[in-house]
Amino acid sequence: MSLIEYKKHWLSFDEQLEQLTQRGLSVTDPNKALEGLKRIGYYRLSGYFYSLKQRCEPCCFIDDPNNIKVCKGLKQSEKVVKNEVVDFFKPGASFQDAVHLYVFDKKLRLLALDGLERIEVGLRVDIAYTLGEHGAFSYLNPDCLARHFTQELDPKSNTTGFVDWMNHQARQVARSKEEFIVAYNKKYYQPVPIWMACELWDFGTLSKLYAGMLPDDQRKIASRYGISDPKVMVSWIRSLNYLRNVCAHHSRLWNRNMTEQPKKPKPSEAPLFEQAWNDAHSLARPFLGLCLIQFYLCTINPTSSWWRRLTELLNTFPELEHLGIDLKAMGVIEGWKDWRW
């Protein structure tokens, strides 16, 4: 694919709003819309504008004199392909619709982070307790970890996953200003024990360490949650780490394509949302990740009200059915409102 020169130029807030209205977006209160652009930013809102835009269907195409397929709704010089999203909005789409989607998405991210925090803390305990049984510094000992992690070379980095992980976790520990680390370093010459180090690692570091643990140790942790296959547990944690990163970076979540998809467990292990693995759309959307959060919370905090709060939030989804936008874009699974965890 050949690269092209980026030619878009800076626009003032007034020019940004004018561009949106020229493309068919309804703006009932220009001052309020300008306020939104200044507060949220055009580029961040563009992810929500995208859902409000038209797609070019085959019937929209005509042949220009040069036999180039172009969309009737665009200038003749603006070439597009079938079903491509174009810069014209659906009839009836408004600036406020995009803001409502943004606000809903923000609340969804915050709620997801609330659940993910509890899972992260629980995973710290699981890993520290399981590896700690092998010794305080077992996480530094290749004999306490899986061979594929400690010995197999990554062709891209020409090092093992263990070496890359060690360097990454060491940087996290070294930059910590936690009082317990400062006190430890004043008294001991050894590296910090696993139960301290775990408190300093992020979710991604924990995820990679779990993936590199011995199968028996992985199984001990997975069985606590009713998962029999450690590979399923590895994929679920990786998927939740991806979800966490989306939320932590304030990225659009509600209809996101989830590139880290969890493996299918045994039917008896996640019966409520088993059908998600038979639907490519559900598998690739965030609702399944939200189900995984609740699945873990059922063990970590059985009395949690997290699912109830999620249900209440989903019931506030903006009324945009007239624009073809609803919770199906999140990958919601049929019957989810009737689930009793």
C-alpha atoms as a PDB file:
ATOM      1  CA  MET A   1       0.000   0.000   0.000  1.00  0.00           C
ATOM      2  CA  SER A   2       1.470   3.351  -1.043  1.00  0.00           C
ATOM      3  CA  LEU A   3       1.467   6.180   1.463  1.00  0.00           C
ATOM      4  CA  ILE A   4       0.025   9.589   0.699  1.00  0.00           C
ATOM      5  CA  GLU A   5       0.689  13.066   2.026  1.00  0.00           C
ATOM      6  CA  TYR A   6      -1.452  14.266   4.946  1.00  0.00           C
ATOM      7  CA  LYS A   7      -3.107  17.492   3.789  1.00  0.00           C
ATOM      8  CA  LYS A   8      -5.748  18.270   6.410  1.00  0.00           C
ATOM      9  CA  HIS A   9      -5.165  21.609   8.080  1.00  0.00           C
ATOM     10  CA  TRP A  10      -6.005  23.171  11.445  1.00  0.00           C
ATOM     11  CA  LEU A  11      -9.558  24.415  11.916  1.00  0.00           C
ATOM     12  CA  SER A  12     -10.866  26.838  14.505  1.00  0.00           C
ATOM     13  CA  PHE A  13     -13.745  25.636  16.708  1.00  0.00           C
ATOM     14  CA  ASP A  14     -16.164  27.700  14.610  1.00  0.00           C
ATOM     15  CA  GLU A  15     -14.791  26.142  11.420  1.00  0.00           C
ATOM     16  CA  GLN A  16     -15.062  22.660  12.935  1.00  0.00           C
ATOM     17  CA  LEU A  17     -18.718  23.231  13.723  1.00  0.00           C
ATOM     18  CA  GLU A  18     -19.362  24.686  10.281  1.00  0.00           C
ATOM     19  CA  GLN A  19     -17.785  21.620   8.670  1.00  0.00           C
ATOM     20  CA  LEU A  20     -20.059  19.333  10.684  1.00  0.00           C
ATOM     21  CA  THR A  21     -23.189  21.240   9.699  1.00  0.00           C
ATOM     22  CA  GLN A  22     -22.136  21.303   6.044  1.00  0.00           C
ATOM     23  CA  ARG A  23     -21.930  17.519   6.208  1.00  0.00           C
ATOM     24  CA  GLY A  24     -25.499  17.268   7.442  1.00  0.00           C
ATOM     25  CA  LEU A  25     -25.160  17.139  11.227  1.00  0.00           C
ATOM     26  CA  SER A  26     -28.025  18.897  12.984  1.00  0.00           C
ATOM     27  CA  VAL A  27     -26.945  21.546  15.521  1.00  0.00           C
ATOM     28  CA  THR A  28     -29.862  23.044  17.431  1.00  0.00           C
ATOM     29  CA  ASP A  29     -27.733  25.053  19.871  1.00  0.00           C
ATOM     30  CA  PRO A  30     -24.493  26.299  18.237  1.00  0.00           C
ATOM     31  CA  ASN A  31     -23.159  27.823  21.457  1.00  0.00           C
ATOM     32  CA  LYS A  32     -23.616  24.568  23.354  1.00  0.00           C
ATOM     33  CA  ALA A  33     -22.048  22.631  20.484  1.00  0.00           C
ATOM     34  CA  LEU A  34     -19.015  24.945  20.476  1.00  0.00           C
ATOM     35  CA  GLU A  35     -18.748  24.422  24.213  1.00  0.00           C
ATOM     36  CA  GLY A  36     -18.702  20.665  23.602  1.00  0.00           C
ATOM     37  CA  LEU A  37     -15.972  20.928  20.979  1.00  0.00           C
ATOM     38  CA  LYS A  38     -13.853  23.020  23.329  1.00  0.00           C
ATOM     39  CA  ARG A  39     -14.391  20.683  26.279  1.00  0.00           C
ATOM     40  CA  ILE A  40     -14.158  17.274  24.588  1.00  0.00           C
ATOM     41  CA  GLY A  41     -12.350  17.969  21.323  1.00  0.00           C
ATOM     42  CA  TYR A  42     -13.334  17.280  17.711  1.00  0.00           C
ATOM     43  CA  TYR A  43     -11.028  14.307  17.316  1.00  0.00           C
ATOM     44  CA  ARG A  44     -12.276  12.507  20.433  1.00  0.00           C
ATOM     45  CA  LEU A  45     -15.869  13.126  19.385  1.00  0.00           C
ATOM     46  CA  SER A  46     -15.101  11.872  15.877  1.00  0.00           C
ATOM     47  CA  GLY A  47     -15.292   8.296  17.158  1.00  0.00           C
ATOM     48  CA  TYR A  48     -18.915   8.965  18.130  1.00  0.00           C
ATOM     49  CA  PHE A  49     -19.660  10.991  14.986  1.00  0.00           C
ATOM     50  CA  TYR A  50     -18.604   7.908  13.016  1.00  0.00           C
ATOM     51  CA  SER A  51     -21.649   5.917  14.137  1.00  0.00           C
ATOM     52  CA  LEU A  52     -23.891   8.729  12.893  1.00  0.00           C
ATOM     53  CA  LYS A  53     -22.460   8.782   9.377  1.00  0.00           C
ATOM     54  CA  GLN A  54     -23.921   7.311   6.215  1.00  0.00           C
ATOM     55  CA  ARG A  55     -22.604   4.336   4.351  1.00  0.00           C
ATOM     56  CA  CYS A  56     -22.492   4.134   0.584  1.00  0.00           C
ATOM     57  CA  GLU A  57     -24.679   1.312  -0.641  1.00  0.00           C
ATOM     58  CA  PRO A  58     -24.459  -0.083  -4.213  1.00  0.00           C
ATOM     59  CA  CYS A  59     -27.578   1.892  -5.203  1.00  0.00           C
ATOM     60  CA  CYS A  60     -25.812   5.131  -4.328  1.00  0.00           C
ATOM     61  CA  PHE A  61     -23.197   4.744  -7.030  1.00  0.00           C
ATOM     62  CA  ILE A  62     -23.086   6.305 -10.445  1.00  0.00           C
ATOM     63  CA  ASP A  63     -20.412   6.300 -13.139  1.00  0.00           C
ATOM     64  CA  ASP A  64     -18.633   9.547 -13.803  1.00  0.00           C
ATOM     65  CA  PRO A  65     -17.243  10.358 -17.276  1.00  0.00           C
ATOM     66  CA  ASN A  66     -13.980   8.606 -16.400  1.00  0.00           C
ATOM     67  CA  ASN A  67     -15.764   5.368 -15.389  1.00  0.00           C
ATOM     68  CA  ILE A  68     -14.896   5.884 -11.729  1.00  0.00           C
ATOM     69  CA  LYS A  69     -17.486   4.743  -9.222  1.00  0.00           C
ATOM     70  CA  VAL A  70     -18.474   7.696  -7.051  1.00  0.00           C
ATOM     71  CA  CYS A  71     -21.209   8.280  -4.488  1.00  0.00           C
ATOM     72  CA  LYS A  72     -24.133  10.511  -5.453  1.00  0.00           C
ATOM     73  CA  GLY A  73     -23.930  12.239  -2.084  1.00  0.00           C
ATOM     74  CA  LEU A  74     -20.329  13.307  -2.617  1.00  0.00           C
ATOM     75  CA  LYS A  75     -18.522  15.548  -5.006  1.00  0.00           C
ATOM     76  CA  GLN A  76     -17.528  13.740  -8.186  1.00  0.00           C
ATOM     77  CA  SER A  77     -13.866  13.954  -7.201  1.00  0.00           C
ATOM     78  CA  GLU A  78     -14.385  12.147  -3.883  1.00  0.00           C
ATOM     79  CA  LYS A  79     -14.018   8.463  -4.726  1.00  0.00           C
ATOM     80  CA  VAL A  80     -15.346   5.852  -2.303  1.00  0.00           C
ATOM     81  CA  VAL A  81     -16.007   2.130  -2.287  1.00  0.00           C
ATOM     82  CA  LYS A  82     -19.207   0.226  -1.602  1.00  0.00           C
ATOM     83  CA  ASN A  83     -20.379   0.253   2.020  1.00  0.00           C
ATOM     84  CA  GLU A  84     -17.650   2.724   2.968  1.00  0.00           C
ATOM     85  CA  VAL A  85     -18.539   5.241   5.666  1.00  0.00           C
ATOM     86  CA  VAL A  86     -18.592   8.710   4.122  1.00  0.00           C
ATOM     87  CA  ASP A  87     -18.363  12.157   5.667  1.00  0.00           C
ATOM     88  CA  PHE A  88     -22.097  12.811   5.383  1.00  0.00           C
ATOM     89  CA  PHE A  89     -24.362  12.227   8.353  1.00  0.00           C
ATOM     90  CA  LYS A  90     -27.545  10.193   8.447  1.00  0.00           C
ATOM     91  CA  PRO A  91     -30.718  12.273   8.182  1.00  0.00           C
ATOM     92  CA  GLY A  92     -31.786  13.308  11.675  1.00  0.00           C
ATOM     93  CA  ALA A  93     -28.355  12.865  13.264  1.00  0.00           C
ATOM     94  CA  SER A  94     -27.455  15.642  15.693  1.00  0.00           C
ATOM     95  CA  PHE A  95     -24.431  16.940  17.544  1.00  0.00           C
ATOM     96  CA  GLN A  96     -26.171  16.120  20.818  1.00  0.00           C
ATOM     97  CA  ASP A  97     -26.522  12.478  19.730  1.00  0.00           C
ATOM     98  CA  ALA A  98     -22.728  12.208  19.594  1.00  0.00           C
ATOM     99  CA  VAL A  99     -22.392  13.865  23.012  1.00  0.00           C
ATOM    100  CA  HIS A 100     -24.956  11.465  24.503  1.00  0.00           C
ATOM    101  CA  LEU A 101     -22.954   8.507  23.136  1.00  0.00           C
ATOM    102  CA  TYR A 102     -19.770  10.018  24.563  1.00  0.00           C
ATOM    103  CA  VAL A 103     -21.284  10.485  28.036  1.00  0.00           C
ATOM    104  CA  PHE A 104     -22.702   6.948  28.041  1.00  0.00           C
ATOM    105  CA  ASP A 105     -19.329   5.577  26.966  1.00  0.00           C
ATOM    106  CA  LYS A 106     -17.515   7.503  29.692  1.00  0.00           C
ATOM    107  CA  LYS A 107     -19.802   6.022  32.355  1.00  0.00           C
ATOM    108  CA  LEU A 108     -19.299   2.563  30.848  1.00  0.00           C
ATOM    109  CA  ARG A 109     -15.500   2.887  31.008  1.00  0.00           C
ATOM    110  CA  LEU A 110     -15.579   4.039  34.632  1.00  0.00           C
ATOM    111  CA  LEU A 111     -17.822   1.135  35.618  1.00  0.00           C
ATOM    112  CA  ALA A 112     -15.614  -1.341  33.753  1.00  0.00           C
ATOM    113  CA  LEU A 113     -12.535   0.024  35.538  1.00  0.00           C
ATOM    114  CA  ASP A 114     -14.276  -0.418  38.882  1.00  0.00           C
ATOM    115  CA  GLY A 115     -14.749  -4.115  38.190  1.00  0.00           C
ATOM    116  CA  LEU A 116     -11.325  -4.568  36.613  1.00  0.00           C
ATOM    117  CA  GLU A 117      -9.616  -3.031  39.641  1.00  0.00           C
ATOM    118  CA  ARG A 118     -11.067  -5.735  41.878  1.00  0.00           C
ATOM    119  CA  ILE A 119      -9.969  -8.442  39.439  1.00  0.00           C
ATOM    120  CA  GLU A 120      -6.465  -6.993  39.248  1.00  0.00           C
ATOM    121  CA  VAL A 121      -6.162  -6.950  43.045  1.00  0.00           C
ATOM    122  CA  GLY A 122      -7.462 -10.524  43.222  1.00  0.00           C
ATOM    123  CA  LEU A 123      -4.980 -11.662  40.580  1.00  0.00           C
ATOM    124  CA  ARG A 124      -2.129 -10.091  42.553  1.00  0.00           C
ATOM    125  CA  VAL A 125      -3.128 -12.198  45.565  1.00  0.00           C
ATOM    126  CA  ASP A 126      -3.480 -15.364  43.464  1.00  0.00           C
ATOM    127  CA  ILE A 127      -0.073 -15.017  41.816  1.00  0.00           C
ATOM    128  CA  ALA A 128       1.793 -13.910  44.938  1.00  0.00           C
ATOM    129  CA  TYR A 129       0.314 -16.721  47.011  1.00  0.00           C
ATOM    130  CA  THR A 130       0.892 -19.444  44.395  1.00  0.00           C
ATOM    131  CA  LEU A 131       4.417 -18.456  43.348  1.00  0.00           C
ATOM    132  CA  GLY A 132       5.347 -17.463  46.893  1.00  0.00           C
ATOM    133  CA  GLU A 133       4.957 -21.085  47.925  1.00  0.00           C
ATOM    134  CA  HIS A 134       8.007 -21.856  45.763  1.00  0.00           C
ATOM    135  CA  GLY A 135      10.015 -19.125  47.503  1.00  0.00           C
ATOM    136  CA  ALA A 136      10.060 -15.382  48.047  1.00  0.00           C
ATOM    137  CA  PHE A 137      12.042 -14.802  44.832  1.00  0.00           C
ATOM    138  CA  SER A 138      10.488 -17.553  42.714  1.00  0.00           C
ATOM    139  CA  TYR A 139       9.426 -15.065  40.038  1.00  0.00           C
ATOM    140  CA  LEU A 140      13.154 -14.564  39.286  1.00  0.00           C
ATOM    141  CA  ASN A 141      13.870 -18.305  39.075  1.00  0.00           C
ATOM    142  CA  PRO A 142      13.418 -19.876  35.609  1.00  0.00           C
ATOM    143  CA  ASP A 143      12.959 -23.290  37.240  1.00  0.00           C
ATOM    144  CA  CYS A 144       9.718 -22.041  38.802  1.00  0.00           C
ATOM    145  CA  LEU A 145       8.289 -20.947  35.467  1.00  0.00           C
ATOM    146  CA  ALA A 146       7.256 -22.587  32.198  1.00  0.00           C
ATOM    147  CA  ARG A 147       9.873 -23.613  29.665  1.00  0.00           C
ATOM    148  CA  HIS A 148       8.199 -21.782  26.762  1.00  0.00           C
ATOM    149  CA  PHE A 149       8.477 -18.579  28.807  1.00  0.00           C
ATOM    150  CA  THR A 150      12.068 -18.942  29.977  1.00  0.00           C
ATOM    151  CA  GLN A 151      13.781 -20.703  27.051  1.00  0.00           C
ATOM    152  CA  GLU A 152      11.991 -20.122  23.759  1.00  0.00           C
ATOM    153  CA  LEU A 153      13.309 -17.151  21.798  1.00  0.00           C
ATOM    154  CA  ASP A 154      11.006 -14.532  20.352  1.00  0.00           C
ATOM    155  CA  PRO A 155      12.077 -14.147  16.681  1.00  0.00           C
ATOM    156  CA  LYS A 156      11.346 -10.403  16.784  1.00  0.00           C
ATOM    157  CA  SER A 157      13.371  -9.510  19.882  1.00  0.00           C
ATOM    158  CA  ASN A 158      15.725 -12.522  19.777  1.00  0.00           C
ATOM    159  CA  THR A 159      15.236 -12.881  23.544  1.00  0.00           C
ATOM    160  CA  THR A 160      12.947 -14.992  25.670  1.00  0.00           C
ATOM    161  CA  GLY A 161       9.624 -13.722  26.939  1.00  0.00           C
ATOM    162  CA  PHE A 162      11.068 -14.097  30.422  1.00  0.00           C
ATOM    163  CA  VAL A 163      13.954 -11.704  29.722  1.00  0.00           C
ATOM    164  CA  ASP A 164      11.618  -9.086  28.230  1.00  0.00           C
ATOM    165  CA  TRP A 165       9.223  -9.493  31.142  1.00  0.00           C
ATOM    166  CA  MET A 166      12.025  -9.274  33.708  1.00  0.00           C
ATOM    167  CA  ASN A 167      13.294  -6.004  32.266  1.00  0.00           C
ATOM    168  CA  HIS A 168       9.793  -4.549  32.199  1.00  0.00           C
ATOM    169  CA  GLN A 169       8.861  -5.523  35.741  1.00  0.00           C
ATOM    170  CA  ALA A 170      12.243  -4.359  37.064  1.00  0.00           C
ATOM    171  CA  ARG A 171      11.599  -0.864  35.692  1.00  0.00           C
ATOM    172  CA  GLN A 172       8.223  -0.762  37.424  1.00  0.00           C
ATOM    173  CA  VAL A 173       9.784  -1.772  40.731  1.00  0.00           C
ATOM    174  CA  ALA A 174      12.730   0.611  40.358  1.00  0.00           C
ATOM    175  CA  ARG A 175      10.592   3.691  39.786  1.00  0.00           C
ATOM    176  CA  SER A 176       8.278   2.955  42.713  1.00  0.00           C
ATOM    177  CA  LYS A 177       8.222   5.483  45.558  1.00  0.00           C
ATOM    178  CA  GLU A 178       6.003   3.348  47.785  1.00  0.00           C
ATOM    179  CA  GLU A 179       7.011   3.592  51.437  1.00  0.00           C
ATOM    180  CA  PHE A 180       7.279  -0.177  51.860  1.00  0.00           C
ATOM    181  CA  ILE A 181       9.772  -0.376  48.989  1.00  0.00           C
ATOM    182  CA  VAL A 182      11.866   2.499  50.312  1.00  0.00           C
ATOM    183  CA  ALA A 183      11.961   0.847  53.756  1.00  0.00           C
ATOM    184  CA  TYR A 184      12.795  -2.565  52.263  1.00  0.00           C
ATOM    185  CA  ASN A 185      15.706  -1.221  50.213  1.00  0.00           C
ATOM    186  CA  LYS A 186      17.198   0.421  53.292  1.00  0.00           C
ATOM    187  CA  LYS A 187      17.279  -2.878  55.144  1.00  0.00           C
ATOM    188  CA  TYR A 188      17.807  -5.707  52.616  1.00  0.00           C
ATOM    189  CA  TYR A 189      20.168  -6.265  49.713  1.00  0.00           C
ATOM    190  CA  GLN A 190      17.963  -8.803  47.889  1.00  0.00           C
ATOM    191  CA  PRO A 191      15.380  -7.950  45.237  1.00  0.00           C
ATOM    192  CA  VAL A 192      11.879  -7.523  46.631  1.00  0.00           C
ATOM    193  CA  PRO A 193       9.863 -10.689  47.325  1.00  0.00           C
ATOM    194  CA  ILE A 194       6.985 -11.727  45.075  1.00  0.00           C
ATOM    195  CA  TRP A 195       4.279 -10.498  47.445  1.00  0.00           C
ATOM    196  CA  MET A 196       5.768  -6.989  47.354  1.00  0.00           C
ATOM    197  CA  ALA A 197       6.646  -6.950  43.667  1.00  0.00           C
ATOM    198  CA  CYS A 198       3.084  -7.959  42.735  1.00  0.00           C
ATOM    199  CA  GLU A 199       1.769  -4.760  44.299  1.00  0.00           C
ATOM    200  CA  LEU A 200       3.902  -2.678  41.915  1.00  0.00           C
ATOM    201  CA  TRP A 201       3.096  -4.379  38.617  1.00  0.00           C
ATOM    202  CA  ASP A 202       0.364  -3.289  36.248  1.00  0.00           C
ATOM    203  CA  PHE A 203      -2.301  -5.603  34.868  1.00  0.00           C
ATOM    204  CA  GLY A 204      -0.279  -6.342  31.724  1.00  0.00           C
ATOM    205  CA  THR A 205       2.743  -7.458  33.738  1.00  0.00           C
ATOM    206  CA  LEU A 206       0.567  -9.711  35.882  1.00  0.00           C
ATOM    207  CA  SER A 207      -1.073 -11.111  32.766  1.00  0.00           C
ATOM    208  CA  LYS A 208       2.248 -12.017  31.141  1.00  0.00           C
ATOM    209  CA  LEU A 209       3.565 -13.616  34.321  1.00  0.00           C
ATOM    210  CA  TYR A 210       0.462 -15.775  34.684  1.00  0.00           C
ATOM    211  CA  ALA A 211       0.879 -16.856  31.042  1.00  0.00           C
ATOM    212  CA  GLY A 212       4.476 -17.862  31.877  1.00  0.00           C
ATOM    213  CA  MET A 213       3.745 -19.843  35.025  1.00  0.00           C
ATOM    214  CA  LEU A 214       3.988 -23.628  35.286  1.00  0.00           C
ATOM    215  CA  PRO A 215       0.784 -25.356  34.118  1.00  0.00           C
ATOM    216  CA  ASP A 216       0.096 -26.803  37.569  1.00  0.00           C
ATOM    217  CA  ASP A 217       0.373 -23.347  39.146  1.00  0.00           C
ATOM    218  CA  GLN A 218      -1.842 -21.863  36.454  1.00  0.00           C
ATOM    219  CA  ARG A 219      -4.376 -24.605  37.079  1.00  0.00           C
ATOM    220  CA  LYS A 220      -4.461 -23.886  40.807  1.00  0.00           C
ATOM    221  CA  ILE A 221      -5.456 -20.292  40.122  1.00  0.00           C
ATOM    222  CA  ALA A 222      -7.852 -21.065  37.269  1.00  0.00           C
ATOM    223  CA  SER A 223      -9.683 -23.702  39.317  1.00  0.00           C
ATOM    224  CA  ARG A 224     -10.491 -21.091  41.955  1.00  0.00           C
ATOM    225  CA  TYR A 225     -12.740 -19.449  39.363  1.00  0.00           C
ATOM    226  CA  GLY A 226     -14.158 -22.702  38.017  1.00  0.00           C
ATOM    227  CA  ILE A 227     -12.023 -22.744  34.870  1.00  0.00           C
ATOM    228  CA  SER A 228     -10.421 -26.095  34.042  1.00  0.00           C
ATOM    229  CA  ASP A 229      -8.166 -25.106  31.127  1.00  0.00           C
ATOM    230  CA  PRO A 230      -5.325 -22.691  32.008  1.00  0.00           C
ATOM    231  CA  LYS A 231      -5.133 -21.617  28.352  1.00  0.00           C
ATOM    232  CA  VAL A 232      -8.682 -20.293  28.657  1.00  0.00           C
ATOM    233  CA  MET A 233      -7.717 -18.396  31.803  1.00  0.00           C
ATOM    234  CA  VAL A 234      -4.652 -16.941  30.046  1.00  0.00           C
ATOM    235  CA  SER A 235      -6.783 -15.686  27.146  1.00  0.00           C
ATOM    236  CA  TRP A 236      -9.432 -14.245  29.468  1.00  0.00           C
ATOM    237  CA  ILE A 237      -6.880 -12.296  31.484  1.00  0.00           C
ATOM    238  CA  ARG A 238      -5.248 -11.040  28.288  1.00  0.00           C
ATOM    239  CA  SER A 239      -8.642  -9.955  26.982  1.00  0.00           C
ATOM    240  CA  LEU A 240      -9.409  -8.122  30.232  1.00  0.00           C
ATOM    241  CA  ASN A 241      -6.025  -6.424  30.115  1.00  0.00           C
ATOM    242  CA  TYR A 242      -6.872  -5.129  26.631  1.00  0.00           C
ATOM    243  CA  LEU A 243     -10.230  -3.923  27.949  1.00  0.00           C
ATOM    244  CA  ARG A 244      -8.491  -2.206  30.843  1.00  0.00           C
ATOM    245  CA  ASN A 245      -6.069  -0.412  28.521  1.00  0.00           C
ATOM    246  CA  VAL A 246      -8.954   0.897  26.409  1.00  0.00           C
ATOM    247  CA  CYS A 247     -10.650   2.248  29.524  1.00  0.00           C
ATOM    248  CA  ALA A 248      -7.489   3.641  31.132  1.00  0.00           C
ATOM    249  CA  HIS A 249      -6.633   5.601  27.983  1.00  0.00           C
ATOM    250  CA  HIS A 250     -10.180   7.032  27.787  1.00  0.00           C
ATOM    251  CA  SER A 251     -10.706   5.449  24.378  1.00  0.00           C
ATOM    252  CA  ARG A 252     -14.098   4.690  22.865  1.00  0.00           C
ATOM    253  CA  LEU A 253     -15.397   1.418  24.295  1.00  0.00           C
ATOM    254  CA  TRP A 254     -19.119   0.839  23.715  1.00  0.00           C
ATOM    255  CA  ASN A 255     -18.891  -0.527  20.128  1.00  0.00           C
ATOM    256  CA  ARG A 256     -15.166  -1.189  19.929  1.00  0.00           C
ATOM    257  CA  ASN A 257     -13.719  -4.080  17.956  1.00  0.00           C
ATOM    258  CA  MET A 258     -11.937  -6.138  20.633  1.00  0.00           C
ATOM    259  CA  THR A 259      -8.782  -7.532  19.044  1.00  0.00           C
ATOM    260  CA  GLU A 260      -7.925  -9.676  22.088  1.00  0.00           C
ATOM    261  CA  GLN A 261     -10.711 -12.240  22.131  1.00  0.00           C
ATOM    262  CA  PRO A 262     -11.152 -14.816  24.925  1.00  0.00           C
ATOM    263  CA  LYS A 263     -11.055 -18.553  24.255  1.00  0.00           C
ATOM    264  CA  LYS A 264     -14.170 -20.639  24.664  1.00  0.00           C
ATOM    265  CA  PRO A 265     -14.433 -22.497  27.993  1.00  0.00           C
ATOM    266  CA  LYS A 266     -16.265 -25.753  28.617  1.00  0.00           C
ATOM    267  CA  PRO A 267     -20.058 -25.270  28.314  1.00  0.00           C
ATOM    268  CA  SER A 268     -20.600 -25.941  32.009  1.00  0.00           C
ATOM    269  CA  GLU A 269     -18.110 -23.241  33.061  1.00  0.00           C
ATOM    270  CA  ALA A 270     -19.843 -20.135  31.660  1.00  0.00           C
ATOM    271  CA  PRO A 271     -23.378 -21.247  30.771  1.00  0.00           C
ATOM    272  CA  LEU A 272     -25.004 -17.795  30.917  1.00  0.00           C
ATOM    273  CA  PHE A 273     -22.978 -16.381  28.051  1.00  0.00           C
ATOM    274  CA  GLU A 274     -21.897 -19.579  26.299  1.00  0.00           C
ATOM    275  CA  GLN A 275     -23.607 -18.517  23.069  1.00  0.00           C
ATOM    276  CA  ALA A 276     -21.195 -15.575  22.680  1.00  0.00           C
ATOM    277  CA  TRP A 277     -18.593 -17.939  21.225  1.00  0.00           C
ATOM    278  CA  ASN A 278     -21.015 -18.984  18.494  1.00  0.00           C
ATOM    279  CA  ASP A 279     -21.518 -15.395  17.344  1.00  0.00           C
ATOM    280  CA  ALA A 280     -18.556 -13.645  15.727  1.00  0.00           C
ATOM    281  CA  HIS A 281     -20.092 -10.239  16.438  1.00  0.00           C
ATOM    282  CA  SER A 282     -20.534 -10.876  20.175  1.00  0.00           C
ATOM    283  CA  LEU A 283     -17.052 -12.363  20.383  1.00  0.00           C
ATOM    284  CA  ALA A 284     -15.541  -9.210  18.912  1.00  0.00           C
ATOM    285  CA  ARG A 285     -17.460  -6.672  20.996  1.00  0.00           C
ATOM    286  CA  PRO A 286     -17.035  -5.383  24.578  1.00  0.00           C
ATOM    287  CA  PHE A 287     -20.179  -6.904  26.111  1.00  0.00           C
ATOM    288  CA  LEU A 288     -18.447 -10.273  26.378  1.00  0.00           C
ATOM    289  CA  GLY A 289     -15.592  -8.608  28.279  1.00  0.00           C
ATOM    290  CA  LEU A 290     -18.129  -7.126  30.681  1.00  0.00           C
ATOM    291  CA  CYS A 291     -19.522 -10.638  31.186  1.00  0.00           C
ATOM    292  CA  LEU A 292     -16.005 -11.839  32.031  1.00  0.00           C
ATOM    293  CA  ILE A 293     -15.689  -9.104  34.645  1.00  0.00           C
ATOM    294  CA  GLN A 294     -18.887 -10.270  36.329  1.00  0.00           C
ATOM    295  CA  PHE A 295     -17.772 -13.897  36.050  1.00  0.00           C
ATOM    296  CA  TYR A 296     -14.635 -13.166  38.092  1.00  0.00           C
ATOM    297  CA  LEU A 297     -16.467 -10.904  40.533  1.00  0.00           C
ATOM    298  CA  CYS A 298     -18.792 -13.792  41.396  1.00  0.00           C
ATOM    299  CA  THR A 299     -15.746 -15.400  43.056  1.00  0.00           C
ATOM    300  CA  ILE A 300     -13.795 -12.325  44.171  1.00  0.00           C
ATOM    301  CA  ASN A 301     -16.765 -10.412  45.588  1.00  0.00           C
ATOM    302  CA  PRO A 302     -19.985 -12.469  45.438  1.00  0.00           C
ATOM    303  CA  THR A 303     -22.100  -9.707  47.015  1.00  0.00           C
ATOM    304  CA  SER A 304     -20.993  -7.060  44.520  1.00  0.00           C
ATOM    305  CA  SER A 305     -23.691  -4.903  42.937  1.00  0.00           C
ATOM    306  CA  TRP A 306     -21.564  -4.430  39.826  1.00  0.00           C
ATOM    307  CA  TRP A 307     -23.852  -6.284  37.390  1.00  0.00           C
ATOM    308  CA  ARG A 308     -26.910  -4.485  38.678  1.00  0.00           C
ATOM    309  CA  ARG A 309     -25.169  -1.156  38.116  1.00  0.00           C
ATOM    310  CA  LEU A 310     -24.137  -2.250  34.634  1.00  0.00           C
ATOM    311  CA  THR A 311     -27.713  -3.221  33.819  1.00  0.00           C
ATOM    312  CA  GLU A 312     -28.965   0.148  35.032  1.00  0.00           C
ATOM    313  CA  LEU A 313     -26.391   1.923  32.871  1.00  0.00           C
ATOM    314  CA  LEU A 314     -27.222  -0.093  29.749  1.00  0.00           C
ATOM    315  CA  ASN A 315     -30.873   0.798  30.239  1.00  0.00           C
ATOM    316  CA  THR A 316     -29.895   4.472  29.837  1.00  0.00           C
ATOM    317  CA  PHE A 317     -28.399   3.973  26.373  1.00  0.00           C
ATOM    318  CA  PRO A 318     -29.331   6.938  24.151  1.00  0.00           C
ATOM    319  CA  GLU A 319     -32.504   6.467  22.103  1.00  0.00           C
ATOM    320  CA  LEU A 320     -30.993   6.341  18.633  1.00  0.00           C
ATOM    321  CA  GLU A 321     -32.893   3.479  17.023  1.00  0.00           C
ATOM    322  CA  HIS A 322     -34.094   5.878  14.317  1.00  0.00           C
ATOM    323  CA  LEU A 323     -30.452   6.129  13.266  1.00  0.00           C
ATOM    324  CA  GLY A 324     -29.916   2.375  13.380  1.00  0.00           C
ATOM    325  CA  ILE A 325     -27.901   2.592  16.612  1.00  0.00           C
ATOM    326  CA  ASP A 326     -28.635   0.406  19.628  1.00  0.00           C
ATOM    327  CA  LEU A 327     -26.969  -1.923  22.136  1.00  0.00           C
ATOM    328  CA  LYS A 328     -26.521  -4.620  19.487  1.00  0.00           C
ATOM    329  CA  ALA A 329     -23.387  -2.733  18.430  1.00  0.00           C
ATOM    330  CA  MET A 330     -21.964  -3.624  21.869  1.00  0.00           C
ATOM    331  CA  GLY A 331     -22.515  -7.306  21.164  1.00  0.00           C
ATOM    332  CA  VAL A 332     -25.187  -7.800  23.824  1.00  0.00           C
ATOM    333  CA  ILE A 333     -26.251 -11.427  24.146  1.00  0.00           C
ATOM    334  CA  GLU A 334     -29.903 -12.382  23.834  1.00  0.00           C
ATOM    335  CA  GLY A 335     -31.601 -12.750  27.197  1.00  0.00           C
ATOM    336  CA  TRP A 336     -28.954 -10.822  29.139  1.00  0.00           C
ATOM    337  CA  LYS A 337     -31.557  -8.819  31.069  1.00  0.00           C
ATOM    338  CA  ASP A 338     -32.966 -12.012  32.565  1.00  0.00           C
ATOM    339  CA  TRP A 339     -29.659 -13.428  33.786  1.00  0.00           C
ATOM    340  CA  ARG A 340     -29.353 -14.229  37.486  1.00  0.00           C
ATOM    341  CA  TRP A 341     -25.734 -14.606  38.428  1.00  0.00           C
END
